[in-house]
PDB file of all heavy atoms in Angstrom:
ATOM      1  N   GLY A   1      56.447  40.422  94.467  1.00  0.00           N
ATOM      2  CA  GLY A   1      55.129  40.467  95.150  1.00  0.00           C
ATOM      3  C   GLY A   1      55.255  40.680  96.504  1.00  0.00           C
ATOM      4  O   GLY A   1      54.172  40.799  97.167  1.00  0.00           O
ATOM      5  N   TYR A   2      56.393  40.723  97.109  1.00  0.00           N
ATOM      6  CA  TYR A   2      56.623  40.838  98.612  1.00  0.00           C
ATOM      7  C   TYR A   2      56.846  42.213  98.967  1.00  0.00           C
ATOM      8  O   TYR A   2      57.564  42.986  98.330  1.00  0.00           O
ATOM      9  CB  TYR A   2      57.713  39.906  99.093  1.00  0.00           C
ATOM     10  CG  TYR A   2      57.231  38.509  99.379  1.00  0.00           C
ATOM     11  CD1 TYR A   2      56.839  37.701  98.380  1.00  0.00           C
ATOM     12  CD2 TYR A   2      57.394  37.972 100.695  1.00  0.00           C
ATOM     13  CE1 TYR A   2      56.255  36.394  98.611  1.00  0.00           C
ATOM     14  CE2 TYR A   2      57.048  36.771 100.834  1.00  0.00           C
ATOM     15  CZ  TYR A   2      56.485  35.899  99.805  1.00  0.00           C
ATOM     16  OH  TYR A   2      56.037  34.572 100.215  1.00  0.00           O
ATOM     17  N   ALA A   3      56.127  42.614  99.996  1.00  0.00           N
ATOM     18  CA  ALA A   3      56.489  43.911 100.767  1.00  0.00           C
ATOM     19  C   ALA A   3      57.691  43.670 101.603  1.00  0.00           C
ATOM     20  O   ALA A   3      57.854  42.527 102.116  1.00  0.00           O
ATOM     21  CB  ALA A   3      55.377  44.409 101.604  1.00  0.00           C
ATOM     22  N   MET A   4      58.489  44.684 101.816  1.00  0.00           N
ATOM     23  CA  MET A   4      59.601  44.647 102.745  1.00  0.00           C
ATOM     24  C   MET A   4      59.612  45.805 103.765  1.00  0.00           C
ATOM     25  O   MET A   4      59.033  46.838 103.403  1.00  0.00           O
ATOM     26  CB  MET A   4      60.976  44.822 101.917  1.00  0.00           C
ATOM     27  CG  MET A   4      61.206  43.784 100.818  1.00  0.00           C
ATOM     28  SD  MET A   4      61.485  42.174 101.374  1.00  0.00           S
ATOM     29  CE  MET A   4      63.197  42.381 102.082  1.00  0.00           C
ATOM     30  N   GLY A   5      59.919  45.507 104.879  1.00  0.00           N
ATOM     31  CA  GLY A   5      59.793  46.383 106.043  1.00  0.00           C
ATOM     32  C   GLY A   5      61.005  46.420 107.012  1.00  0.00           C
ATOM     33  O   GLY A   5      61.832  45.453 106.976  1.00  0.00           O
ATOM     34  N   TRP A   6      61.067  47.458 107.754  1.00  0.00           N
ATOM     35  CA  TRP A   6      61.958  47.547 108.952  1.00  0.00           C
ATOM     36  C   TRP A   6      61.150  47.791 110.142  1.00  0.00           C
ATOM     37  O   TRP A   6      60.236  48.668 110.267  1.00  0.00           O
ATOM     38  CB  TRP A   6      62.892  48.612 108.645  1.00  0.00           C
ATOM     39  CG  TRP A   6      63.906  48.439 107.511  1.00  0.00           C
ATOM     40  CD1 TRP A   6      63.889  48.854 106.278  1.00  0.00           C
ATOM     41  CD2 TRP A   6      65.151  47.838 107.639  1.00  0.00           C
ATOM     42  NE1 TRP A   6      65.006  48.427 105.623  1.00  0.00           N
ATOM     43  CE2 TRP A   6      65.833  47.828 106.398  1.00  0.00           C
ATOM     44  CE3 TRP A   6      65.924  47.092 108.805  1.00  0.00           C
ATOM     45  CZ2 TRP A   6      67.090  47.173 106.221  1.00  0.00           C
ATOM     46  CZ3 TRP A   6      67.152  46.611 108.498  1.00  0.00           C
ATOM     47  CH2 TRP A   6      67.707  46.588 107.348  1.00  0.00           C
ATOM     48  N   PHE A   7      61.546  47.123 111.170  1.00  0.00           N
ATOM     49  CA  PHE A   7      61.023  47.257 112.502  1.00  0.00           C
ATOM     50  C   PHE A   7      62.111  47.416 113.463  1.00  0.00           C
ATOM     51  O   PHE A   7      63.318  47.147 113.140  1.00  0.00           O
ATOM     52  CB  PHE A   7      60.174  46.048 112.894  1.00  0.00           C
ATOM     53  CG  PHE A   7      58.890  45.994 112.220  1.00  0.00           C
ATOM     54  CD1 PHE A   7      58.880  45.494 110.967  1.00  0.00           C
ATOM     55  CD2 PHE A   7      57.666  46.189 112.904  1.00  0.00           C
ATOM     56  CE1 PHE A   7      57.593  45.392 110.144  1.00  0.00           C
ATOM     57  CE2 PHE A   7      56.499  46.049 112.102  1.00  0.00           C
ATOM     58  CZ  PHE A   7      56.497  45.683 110.818  1.00  0.00           C
ATOM     59  N   ARG A   8      61.928  47.980 114.667  1.00  0.00           N
ATOM     60  CA  ARG A   8      62.972  48.051 115.694  1.00  0.00           C
ATOM     61  C   ARG A   8      62.482  47.602 117.040  1.00  0.00           C
ATOM     62  O   ARG A   8      61.282  47.811 117.222  1.00  0.00           O
ATOM     63  CB  ARG A   8      63.592  49.445 115.665  1.00  0.00           C
ATOM     64  CG  ARG A   8      62.644  50.508 116.089  1.00  0.00           C
ATOM     65  CD  ARG A   8      63.241  51.778 115.799  1.00  0.00           C
ATOM     66  NE  ARG A   8      62.537  52.951 116.321  1.00  0.00           N
ATOM     67  CZ  ARG A   8      62.799  54.284 116.143  1.00  0.00           C
ATOM     68  NH1 ARG A   8      63.851  54.545 115.495  1.00  0.00           N
ATOM     69  NH2 ARG A   8      62.025  55.189 116.589  1.00  0.00           N
ATOM     70  N   GLN A   9      63.364  47.253 117.906  1.00  0.00           N
ATOM     71  CA  GLN A   9      63.038  47.001 119.163  1.00  0.00           C
ATOM     72  C   GLN A   9      63.961  47.445 120.262  1.00  0.00           C
ATOM     73  O   GLN A   9      65.216  47.072 120.084  1.00  0.00           O
ATOM     74  CB  GLN A   9      62.789  45.485 119.454  1.00  0.00           C
ATOM     75  CG  GLN A   9      62.317  45.207 120.821  1.00  0.00           C
ATOM     76  CD  GLN A   9      61.683  43.697 120.870  1.00  0.00           C
ATOM     77  OE1 GLN A   9      62.021  42.828 120.010  1.00  0.00           O
ATOM     78  NE2 GLN A   9      60.853  43.441 121.895  1.00  0.00           N
ATOM     79  N   ALA A  10      63.679  48.462 121.110  1.00  0.00           N
ATOM     80  CA  ALA A  10      64.601  48.878 122.133  1.00  0.00           C
ATOM     81  C   ALA A  10      64.491  48.005 123.359  1.00  0.00           C
ATOM     82  O   ALA A  10      63.414  47.422 123.544  1.00  0.00           O
ATOM     83  CB  ALA A  10      64.335  50.408 122.372  1.00  0.00           C
ATOM     84  N   PRO A  11      65.555  48.064 124.198  1.00  0.00           N
ATOM     85  CA  PRO A  11      65.410  47.348 125.410  1.00  0.00           C
ATOM     86  C   PRO A  11      64.274  47.553 126.353  1.00  0.00           C
ATOM     87  O   PRO A  11      63.889  48.821 126.519  1.00  0.00           O
ATOM     88  CB  PRO A  11      66.786  47.635 126.164  1.00  0.00           C
ATOM     89  CG  PRO A  11      67.652  48.154 125.125  1.00  0.00           C
ATOM     90  CD  PRO A  11      66.835  48.729 124.040  1.00  0.00           C
ATOM     91  N   GLY A  12      63.488  46.562 126.690  1.00  0.00           N
ATOM     92  CA  GLY A  12      62.325  46.721 127.483  1.00  0.00           C
ATOM     93  C   GLY A  12      61.049  47.343 126.784  1.00  0.00           C
ATOM     94  O   GLY A  12      60.035  47.636 127.460  1.00  0.00           O
ATOM     95  N   LYS A  13      61.219  47.510 125.502  1.00  0.00           N
ATOM     96  CA  LYS A  13      60.044  47.899 124.739  1.00  0.00           C
ATOM     97  C   LYS A  13      59.645  46.892 123.746  1.00  0.00           C
ATOM     98  O   LYS A  13      60.341  46.038 123.322  1.00  0.00           O
ATOM     99  CB  LYS A  13      60.353  49.322 124.041  1.00  0.00           C
ATOM    100  CG  LYS A  13      60.727  50.375 124.955  1.00  0.00           C
ATOM    101  CD  LYS A  13      60.899  51.665 124.150  1.00  0.00           C
ATOM    102  CE  LYS A  13      61.120  52.885 125.075  1.00  0.00           C
ATOM    103  NZ  LYS A  13      61.255  54.191 124.450  1.00  0.00           N
ATOM    104  N   GLU A  14      58.430  47.174 123.238  1.00  0.00           N
ATOM    105  CA  GLU A  14      57.837  46.150 122.161  1.00  0.00           C
ATOM    106  C   GLU A  14      58.507  46.586 120.871  1.00  0.00           C
ATOM    107  O   GLU A  14      58.930  47.703 120.604  1.00  0.00           O
ATOM    108  CB  GLU A  14      56.400  46.324 122.034  1.00  0.00           C
ATOM    109  CG  GLU A  14      55.548  45.830 123.366  1.00  0.00           C
ATOM    110  CD  GLU A  14      54.139  45.711 123.174  1.00  0.00           C
ATOM    111  OE1 GLU A  14      53.653  46.269 122.217  1.00  0.00           O
ATOM    112  OE2 GLU A  14      53.398  45.137 124.075  1.00  0.00           O
ATOM    113  N   ARG A  15      58.366  45.595 119.892  1.00  0.00           N
ATOM    114  CA  ARG A  15      58.969  45.792 118.584  1.00  0.00           C
ATOM    115  C   ARG A  15      57.950  46.892 117.850  1.00  0.00           C
ATOM    116  O   ARG A  15      56.824  46.684 117.943  1.00  0.00           O
ATOM    117  CB  ARG A  15      59.012  44.442 117.843  1.00  0.00           C
ATOM    118  CG  ARG A  15      59.641  44.530 116.477  1.00  0.00           C
ATOM    119  CD  ARG A  15      59.833  43.188 115.843  1.00  0.00           C
ATOM    120  NE  ARG A  15      60.642  42.291 116.582  1.00  0.00           N
ATOM    121  CZ  ARG A  15      61.189  41.220 116.311  1.00  0.00           C
ATOM    122  NH1 ARG A  15      61.015  40.757 115.089  1.00  0.00           N
ATOM    123  NH2 ARG A  15      61.899  40.506 117.022  1.00  0.00           N
ATOM    124  N   GLU A  16      58.501  47.801 117.161  1.00  0.00           N
ATOM    125  CA  GLU A  16      57.745  48.811 116.595  1.00  0.00           C
ATOM    126  C   GLU A  16      58.084  48.998 115.164  1.00  0.00           C
ATOM    127  O   GLU A  16      59.174  48.734 114.676  1.00  0.00           O
ATOM    128  CB  GLU A  16      57.815  50.097 117.224  1.00  0.00           C
ATOM    129  CG  GLU A  16      59.301  50.722 117.143  1.00  0.00           C
ATOM    130  CD  GLU A  16      59.234  52.210 117.665  1.00  0.00           C
ATOM    131  OE1 GLU A  16      58.196  52.744 118.042  1.00  0.00           O
ATOM    132  OE2 GLU A  16      60.302  52.765 117.792  1.00  0.00           O
ATOM    133  N   PHE A  17      57.084  49.299 114.277  1.00  0.00           N
ATOM    134  CA  PHE A  17      57.178  49.624 112.904  1.00  0.00           C
ATOM    135  C   PHE A  17      58.037  50.839 112.728  1.00  0.00           C
ATOM    136  O   PHE A  17      57.878  51.784 113.400  1.00  0.00           O
ATOM    137  CB  PHE A  17      55.784  49.843 112.337  1.00  0.00           C
ATOM    138  CG  PHE A  17      55.776  50.318 110.802  1.00  0.00           C
ATOM    139  CD1 PHE A  17      56.026  49.370 109.808  1.00  0.00           C
ATOM    140  CD2 PHE A  17      55.642  51.605 110.539  1.00  0.00           C
ATOM    141  CE1 PHE A  17      56.041  49.763 108.601  1.00  0.00           C
ATOM    142  CE2 PHE A  17      55.577  52.077 109.260  1.00  0.00           C
ATOM    143  CZ  PHE A  17      55.815  51.192 108.261  1.00  0.00           C
ATOM    144  N   VAL A  18      59.003  50.714 111.689  1.00  0.00           N
ATOM    145  CA  VAL A  18      59.770  51.904 111.285  1.00  0.00           C
ATOM    146  C   VAL A  18      59.367  52.300 109.842  1.00  0.00           C
ATOM    147  O   VAL A  18      59.115  53.490 109.604  1.00  0.00           O
ATOM    148  CB  VAL A  18      61.253  51.593 111.373  1.00  0.00           C
ATOM    149  CG1 VAL A  18      62.108  52.649 110.853  1.00  0.00           C
ATOM    150  CG2 VAL A  18      61.627  51.159 112.770  1.00  0.00           C
ATOM    151  N   ALA A  19      59.412  51.372 108.883  1.00  0.00           N
ATOM    152  CA  ALA A  19      59.231  51.872 107.461  1.00  0.00           C
ATOM    153  C   ALA A  19      58.940  50.511 106.723  1.00  0.00           C
ATOM    154  O   ALA A  19      59.321  49.388 107.105  1.00  0.00           O
ATOM    155  CB  ALA A  19      60.416  52.547 106.875  1.00  0.00           C
ATOM    156  N   ALA A  20      58.296  50.735 105.629  1.00  0.00           N
ATOM    157  CA  ALA A  20      57.891  49.697 104.674  1.00  0.00           C
ATOM    158  C   ALA A  20      57.829  50.114 103.218  1.00  0.00           C
ATOM    159  O   ALA A  20      57.568  51.353 103.040  1.00  0.00           O
ATOM    160  CB  ALA A  20      56.698  48.911 105.078  1.00  0.00           C
ATOM    161  N   ILE A  21      57.988  49.145 102.267  1.00  0.00           N
ATOM    162  CA  ILE A  21      57.911  49.460 100.891  1.00  0.00           C
ATOM    163  C   ILE A  21      57.205  48.431 100.154  1.00  0.00           C
ATOM    164  O   ILE A  21      57.515  47.236 100.452  1.00  0.00           O
ATOM    165  CB  ILE A  21      59.313  49.842 100.342  1.00  0.00           C
ATOM    166  CG1 ILE A  21      59.316  50.451  98.882  1.00  0.00           C
ATOM    167  CG2 ILE A  21      60.234  48.599 100.415  1.00  0.00           C
ATOM    168  CD1 ILE A  21      60.579  50.997  98.412  1.00  0.00           C
ATOM    169  N   SER A  22      56.291  48.848  99.222  1.00  0.00           N
ATOM    170  CA  SER A  22      55.731  47.827  98.399  1.00  0.00           C
ATOM    171  C   SER A  22      56.515  47.318  97.332  1.00  0.00           C
ATOM    172  O   SER A  22      57.510  47.852  96.978  1.00  0.00           O
ATOM    173  CB  SER A  22      54.458  48.516  97.695  1.00  0.00           C
ATOM    174  OG  SER A  22      54.725  49.449  96.961  1.00  0.00           O
ATOM    175  N   TRP A  23      56.088  46.187  96.684  1.00  0.00           N
ATOM    176  CA  TRP A  23      56.743  45.555  95.695  1.00  0.00           C
ATOM    177  C   TRP A  23      56.725  46.378  94.350  1.00  0.00           C
ATOM    178  O   TRP A  23      57.684  46.762  93.721  1.00  0.00           O
ATOM    179  CB  TRP A  23      56.341  44.143  95.418  1.00  0.00           C
ATOM    180  CG  TRP A  23      56.795  43.596  94.114  1.00  0.00           C
ATOM    181  CD1 TRP A  23      56.063  43.485  93.040  1.00  0.00           C
ATOM    182  CD2 TRP A  23      58.035  43.080  93.771  1.00  0.00           C
ATOM    183  NE1 TRP A  23      56.828  42.864  91.852  1.00  0.00           N
ATOM    184  CE2 TRP A  23      58.047  42.647  92.387  1.00  0.00           C
ATOM    185  CE3 TRP A  23      59.319  42.989  94.461  1.00  0.00           C
ATOM    186  CZ2 TRP A  23      59.154  42.130  91.693  1.00  0.00           C
ATOM    187  CZ3 TRP A  23      60.427  42.385  93.802  1.00  0.00           C
ATOM    188  CH2 TRP A  23      60.381  41.996  92.540  1.00  0.00           C
ATOM    189  N   SER A  24      55.469  46.548  93.882  1.00  0.00           N
ATOM    190  CA  SER A  24      55.196  46.961  92.437  1.00  0.00           C
ATOM    191  C   SER A  24      55.214  48.500  92.267  1.00  0.00           C
ATOM    192  O   SER A  24      55.891  48.937  91.356  1.00  0.00           O
ATOM    193  CB  SER A  24      53.759  46.443  92.070  1.00  0.00           C
ATOM    194  OG  SER A  24      52.801  46.940  93.005  1.00  0.00           O
ATOM    195  N   LEU A  25      54.691  49.192  93.330  1.00  0.00           N
ATOM    196  CA  LEU A  25      54.733  50.697  93.033  1.00  0.00           C
ATOM    197  C   LEU A  25      55.754  51.532  93.832  1.00  0.00           C
ATOM    198  O   LEU A  25      55.951  52.627  93.809  1.00  0.00           O
ATOM    199  CB  LEU A  25      53.335  51.276  93.431  1.00  0.00           C
ATOM    200  CG  LEU A  25      52.241  50.672  92.690  1.00  0.00           C
ATOM    201  CD1 LEU A  25      50.912  51.208  93.061  1.00  0.00           C
ATOM    202  CD2 LEU A  25      52.389  50.986  91.117  1.00  0.00           C
ATOM    203  N   SER A  26      56.430  50.703  94.675  1.00  0.00           N
ATOM    204  CA  SER A  26      57.484  51.227  95.610  1.00  0.00           C
ATOM    205  C   SER A  26      56.949  52.344  96.326  1.00  0.00           C
ATOM    206  O   SER A  26      57.510  53.475  96.774  1.00  0.00           O
ATOM    207  CB  SER A  26      58.674  51.891  94.723  1.00  0.00           C
ATOM    208  OG  SER A  26      59.441  50.804  94.129  1.00  0.00           O
ATOM    209  N   THR A  27      55.693  52.158  96.817  1.00  0.00           N
ATOM    210  CA  THR A  27      54.989  53.049  97.788  1.00  0.00           C
ATOM    211  C   THR A  27      55.684  52.863  99.133  1.00  0.00           C
ATOM    212  O   THR A  27      56.027  51.646  99.442  1.00  0.00           O
ATOM    213  CB  THR A  27      53.487  52.739  97.932  1.00  0.00           C
ATOM    214  OG1 THR A  27      52.851  52.818  96.631  1.00  0.00           O
ATOM    215  CG2 THR A  27      52.747  53.737  98.733  1.00  0.00           C
ATOM    216  N   THR A  28      55.867  53.857  99.794  1.00  0.00           N
ATOM    217  CA  THR A  28      56.520  53.789 101.164  1.00  0.00           C
ATOM    218  C   THR A  28      55.716  54.205 102.267  1.00  0.00           C
ATOM    219  O   THR A  28      54.818  55.014 102.040  1.00  0.00           O
ATOM    220  CB  THR A  28      57.853  54.713 101.088  1.00  0.00           C
ATOM    221  OG1 THR A  28      57.539  56.051 100.711  1.00  0.00           O
ATOM    222  CG2 THR A  28      58.928  54.101 100.035  1.00  0.00           C
ATOM    223  N   TYR A  29      56.004  53.674 103.368  1.00  0.00           N
ATOM    224  CA  TYR A  29      55.239  53.928 104.642  1.00  0.00           C
ATOM    225  C   TYR A  29      56.212  54.219 105.758  1.00  0.00           C
ATOM    226  O   TYR A  29      57.343  53.499 105.774  1.00  0.00           O
ATOM    227  CB  TYR A  29      54.406  52.704 104.965  1.00  0.00           C
ATOM    228  CG  TYR A  29      53.485  52.304 103.886  1.00  0.00           C
ATOM    229  CD1 TYR A  29      53.891  51.455 102.946  1.00  0.00           C
ATOM    230  CD2 TYR A  29      52.111  52.823 103.794  1.00  0.00           C
ATOM    231  CE1 TYR A  29      53.011  50.973 101.823  1.00  0.00           C
ATOM    232  CE2 TYR A  29      51.234  52.388 102.896  1.00  0.00           C
ATOM    233  CZ  TYR A  29      51.633  51.599 101.875  1.00  0.00           C
ATOM    234  OH  TYR A  29      50.814  51.230 100.890  1.00  0.00           O
ATOM    235  N   TYR A  30      55.894  55.225 106.644  1.00  0.00           N
ATOM    236  CA  TYR A  30      56.913  55.492 107.732  1.00  0.00           C
ATOM    237  C   TYR A  30      56.186  55.810 108.938  1.00  0.00           C
ATOM    238  O   TYR A  30      54.984  56.231 108.977  1.00  0.00           O
ATOM    239  CB  TYR A  30      57.731  56.770 107.359  1.00  0.00           C
ATOM    240  CG  TYR A  30      58.542  56.587 106.150  1.00  0.00           C
ATOM    241  CD1 TYR A  30      58.171  57.061 104.885  1.00  0.00           C
ATOM    242  CD2 TYR A  30      59.797  56.044 106.301  1.00  0.00           C
ATOM    243  CE1 TYR A  30      58.935  56.986 103.738  1.00  0.00           C
ATOM    244  CE2 TYR A  30      60.710  55.941 105.172  1.00  0.00           C
ATOM    245  CZ  TYR A  30      60.129  56.371 103.889  1.00  0.00           C
ATOM    246  OH  TYR A  30      61.066  56.262 102.854  1.00  0.00           O
ATOM    247  N   SER A  31      56.754  55.410 110.025  1.00  0.00           N
ATOM    248  CA  SER A  31      56.308  55.837 111.392  1.00  0.00           C
ATOM    249  C   SER A  31      56.354  57.212 111.520  1.00  0.00           C
ATOM    250  O   SER A  31      57.319  57.824 110.960  1.00  0.00           O
ATOM    251  CB  SER A  31      56.938  55.023 112.533  1.00  0.00           C
ATOM    252  OG  SER A  31      58.269  55.498 112.629  1.00  0.00           O
ATOM    253  N   ASP A  32      55.588  57.861 112.425  1.00  0.00           N
ATOM    254  CA  ASP A  32      55.607  59.364 112.594  1.00  0.00           C
ATOM    255  C   ASP A  32      57.015  59.693 113.091  1.00  0.00           C
ATOM    256  O   ASP A  32      57.514  60.853 112.807  1.00  0.00           O
ATOM    257  CB  ASP A  32      54.564  59.720 113.613  1.00  0.00           C
ATOM    258  CG  ASP A  32      53.240  59.653 113.000  1.00  0.00           C
ATOM    259  OD1 ASP A  32      53.117  59.660 111.749  1.00  0.00           O
ATOM    260  OD2 ASP A  32      52.081  59.583 113.725  1.00  0.00           O
ATOM    261  N   SER A  33      57.713  58.751 113.968  1.00  0.00           N
ATOM    262  CA  SER A  33      58.835  59.156 114.634  1.00  0.00           C
ATOM    263  C   SER A  33      60.115  59.354 113.649  1.00  0.00           C
ATOM    264  O   SER A  33      61.170  59.882 114.046  1.00  0.00           O
ATOM    265  CB  SER A  33      59.209  58.280 115.741  1.00  0.00           C
ATOM    266  OG  SER A  33      59.293  56.926 115.111  1.00  0.00           O
ATOM    267  N   VAL A  34      60.036  58.667 112.448  1.00  0.00           N
ATOM    268  CA  VAL A  34      61.070  58.657 111.510  1.00  0.00           C
ATOM    269  C   VAL A  34      60.817  59.355 110.300  1.00  0.00           C
ATOM    270  O   VAL A  34      61.722  59.597 109.556  1.00  0.00           O
ATOM    271  CB  VAL A  34      61.609  57.262 111.225  1.00  0.00           C
ATOM    272  CG1 VAL A  34      61.876  56.524 112.627  1.00  0.00           C
ATOM    273  CG2 VAL A  34      60.608  56.519 110.279  1.00  0.00           C
ATOM    274  N   THR A  35      59.658  59.837 110.111  1.00  0.00           N
ATOM    275  CA  THR A  35      59.248  60.617 108.822  1.00  0.00           C
ATOM    276  C   THR A  35      60.092  61.847 108.742  1.00  0.00           C
ATOM    277  O   THR A  35      60.261  62.579 109.654  1.00  0.00           O
ATOM    278  CB  THR A  35      57.727  60.921 108.851  1.00  0.00           C
ATOM    279  OG1 THR A  35      57.031  59.722 108.882  1.00  0.00           O
ATOM    280  CG2 THR A  35      57.368  61.820 107.559  1.00  0.00           C
ATOM    281  N   GLY A  36      60.650  61.943 107.536  1.00  0.00           N
ATOM    282  CA  GLY A  36      61.523  63.077 107.235  1.00  0.00           C
ATOM    283  C   GLY A  36      62.981  62.875 107.565  1.00  0.00           C
ATOM    284  O   GLY A  36      63.830  63.560 107.163  1.00  0.00           O
ATOM    285  N   ARG A  37      63.314  61.750 108.314  1.00  0.00           N
ATOM    286  CA  ARG A  37      64.695  61.570 108.644  1.00  0.00           C
ATOM    287  C   ARG A  37      65.080  60.200 107.976  1.00  0.00           C
ATOM    288  O   ARG A  37      66.318  60.108 107.666  1.00  0.00           O
ATOM    289  CB  ARG A  37      64.815  61.388 110.142  1.00  0.00           C
ATOM    290  CG  ARG A  37      64.368  62.694 110.908  1.00  0.00           C
ATOM    291  CD  ARG A  37      64.749  62.555 112.386  1.00  0.00           C
ATOM    292  NE  ARG A  37      63.991  61.543 113.021  1.00  0.00           N
ATOM    293  CZ  ARG A  37      64.646  60.482 113.710  1.00  0.00           C
ATOM    294  NH1 ARG A  37      65.956  60.411 113.734  1.00  0.00           N
ATOM    295  NH2 ARG A  37      63.941  59.572 114.316  1.00  0.00           N
TER     296      ARG A  37
END
């Protein structure tokens, strides 16, 4: 029932969302900067 995600933080910047995936349907979410890669 838990979602899992990846975030990243570069030096001097705030932590930002990268990608996430749901538990049941394996629906995925991506930031615009990584979509397709």
